[in-house]
Protein backbone atom coordinates (compact mmCIF):
# COMPACT_ATOMS: atom_id res chain seq x y z
CA MET A 1 125.18 116.40 110.98
CA ARG A 2 125.10 119.67 108.97
CA ARG A 3 128.48 119.89 107.99
CA ASP A 4 128.17 117.07 105.40
CA PRO A 5 125.54 118.74 103.10
CA VAL A 6 127.35 122.27 103.59
CA GLN A 7 130.56 120.44 102.57
CA ARG A 8 129.01 118.75 99.62
CA PHE A 9 127.63 122.26 98.59
CA CYS A 10 130.83 123.87 98.76
CA THR A 11 132.67 120.96 96.88
CA THR A 12 129.94 121.25 94.16
CA ALA A 13 130.14 124.92 93.95
CA ASP A 14 134.07 124.56 93.57
CA GLU A 15 133.54 122.11 90.86
CA TYR A 16 131.07 124.18 89.03
CA ASN A 17 133.63 127.18 89.06
CA ARG A 18 136.36 125.11 87.48
CA TYR A 19 133.89 123.93 84.69
CA GLN A 20 132.75 127.58 84.00
CA GLN A 21 136.38 128.71 83.86
CA LEU A 22 137.03 125.87 81.22
CA ILE A 23 133.95 127.17 79.29
CA ASP A 24 134.66 130.75 79.55
CA ARG A 25 138.45 129.86 78.29
CA LYS A 26 137.26 128.15 75.29
CA PHE A 27 134.85 131.09 74.41
CA ARG A 28 137.73 133.36 74.85
CA GLN A 29 140.08 131.20 72.41
CA LYS A 30 137.11 131.20 69.69
CA ASN A 31 136.64 135.05 70.10
CA ALA A 32 140.50 135.57 69.97
CA ALA A 33 140.65 133.19 66.62
CA VAL A 34 138.01 135.20 64.97
CA LEU A 35 139.39 138.77 66.38
CA THR A 36 142.93 137.81 65.07
CA SER A 37 141.54 136.95 61.53
CA LYS A 38 140.10 140.56 61.06
CA ARG A 39 142.09 143.34 59.93
CA ILE A 40 139.04 146.07 61.09
CA ILE A 41 137.10 145.59 64.29
CA GLY A 42 134.30 147.49 65.18
CA CYS A 43 132.45 147.69 68.77
CA THR A 44 130.94 149.74 71.04
CA THR A 45 132.60 151.41 73.92
CA THR A 46 131.20 148.63 76.28
CA GLY A 47 132.52 146.10 73.94
CA ALA A 48 136.03 147.55 73.53
CA ALA A 49 135.85 147.49 77.74
CA LYS A 50 134.89 144.03 77.96
CA TYR A 51 136.88 142.60 75.07
CA ARG A 52 140.04 144.65 75.73
CA GLU A 53 142.26 141.95 76.22
CA ASP A 54 141.04 140.18 73.22
CA ILE A 55 141.36 143.13 70.96
CA HIS A 56 144.63 144.05 72.38
CA GLU A 57 145.89 140.62 71.25
CA ALA A 58 144.30 140.67 67.95
CA CYS A 59 146.26 144.06 67.13
CA PRO A 60 143.90 145.06 64.30
CA GLY A 61 144.92 147.58 61.94
CA VAL A 62 141.60 149.62 62.51
CA LEU A 63 139.69 149.80 65.39
CA LEU A 64 136.34 151.57 64.99
CA VAL A 65 134.56 152.38 68.39
CA GLU A 66 130.79 153.61 68.53
CA GLU A 67 129.51 155.84 71.34
CA ALA A 68 132.92 157.43 71.69
CA GLY A 69 131.55 160.77 72.43
CA GLU A 70 130.31 159.79 75.69
CA ILE A 71 133.57 158.83 77.26
CA LEU A 72 137.10 159.65 77.63
CA GLU A 73 139.56 158.23 75.07
CA SER A 74 141.72 156.41 77.83
CA HIS A 75 139.06 153.62 78.32
CA ILE A 76 139.71 152.96 74.52
CA LEU A 77 143.44 153.44 74.29
CA ALA A 78 143.87 150.38 76.69
CA ALA A 79 142.35 147.97 74.02
CA LEU A 80 144.90 149.21 71.42
CA GLY A 81 147.64 146.96 70.00
CA ALA A 82 151.06 147.46 68.72
CA GLU A 83 150.10 147.09 65.35
CA THR A 84 146.97 149.10 65.37
CA GLU A 85 147.33 152.05 62.66
CA GLN A 86 144.10 153.65 63.02
CA LEU A 87 141.54 154.54 65.44
CA ILE A 88 138.02 155.68 64.55
CA LEU A 89 135.75 157.06 67.12
CA ILE A 90 132.05 157.76 66.23
CA GLY A 91 130.00 159.79 68.58
CA ASP A 92 128.13 162.93 69.15
CA HIS A 93 130.69 165.55 70.46
CA LYS A 94 128.05 167.35 71.92
CA CYS A 95 127.35 164.64 74.30
CA ALA A 96 130.74 164.79 75.86
CA VAL A 97 130.74 166.83 79.06
CA LEU A 98 134.19 165.98 80.38
CA HIS A 99 137.47 167.68 79.08
CA ARG A 100 138.64 165.50 76.28
CA PRO A 101 142.52 166.57 75.72
CA LEU A 102 144.20 163.11 76.33
CA PHE A 103 143.82 161.47 72.90
CA SER A 104 144.61 164.79 71.19
CA ASN A 105 147.86 165.07 73.02
CA CYS A 106 148.78 161.51 72.43
CA ILE A 107 148.38 161.59 68.59
CA PRO A 108 149.07 164.53 66.23
CA THR A 109 146.15 165.34 63.85
CA PRO A 110 146.17 167.82 60.96
CA SER A 111 143.86 170.97 61.72
CA PHE A 112 141.15 171.40 59.27
CA PRO A 113 139.61 174.76 58.29
CA SER A 114 136.37 175.23 60.05
CA THR A 115 133.30 174.94 57.60
CA GLY A 116 130.90 176.67 59.76
CA SER A 117 128.49 173.64 60.22
CA SER A 118 128.91 170.70 62.45
CA ALA A 119 127.04 168.47 59.94
CA GLN A 120 129.33 169.27 57.24
CA ARG A 121 132.71 168.08 59.18
């Protein structure tokens, strides 16, 4: 007696999930088309995590990430594509409480003389 409504509910839920996946796929295709046409992509760290696959596939020449002072670089490195030439991390370095040697060990950077004030750097 109760199986029929439960079965219909399960069938309807499965159908809903299939349609939702189709809609999600269409949005991803649109996002990928927009991102692929751009040379510079800017996002927050949350956006880099959420759209990691799309950013990686788009292979922008420059990836600009805001709020980067609050996380480890490994979260952003996963979004980089083979063609990405420059990664710009924007964030307050004083917010970071974790050790941050990962990215500086991966890519050599020139050392700049200290100017004394962090606002001048």
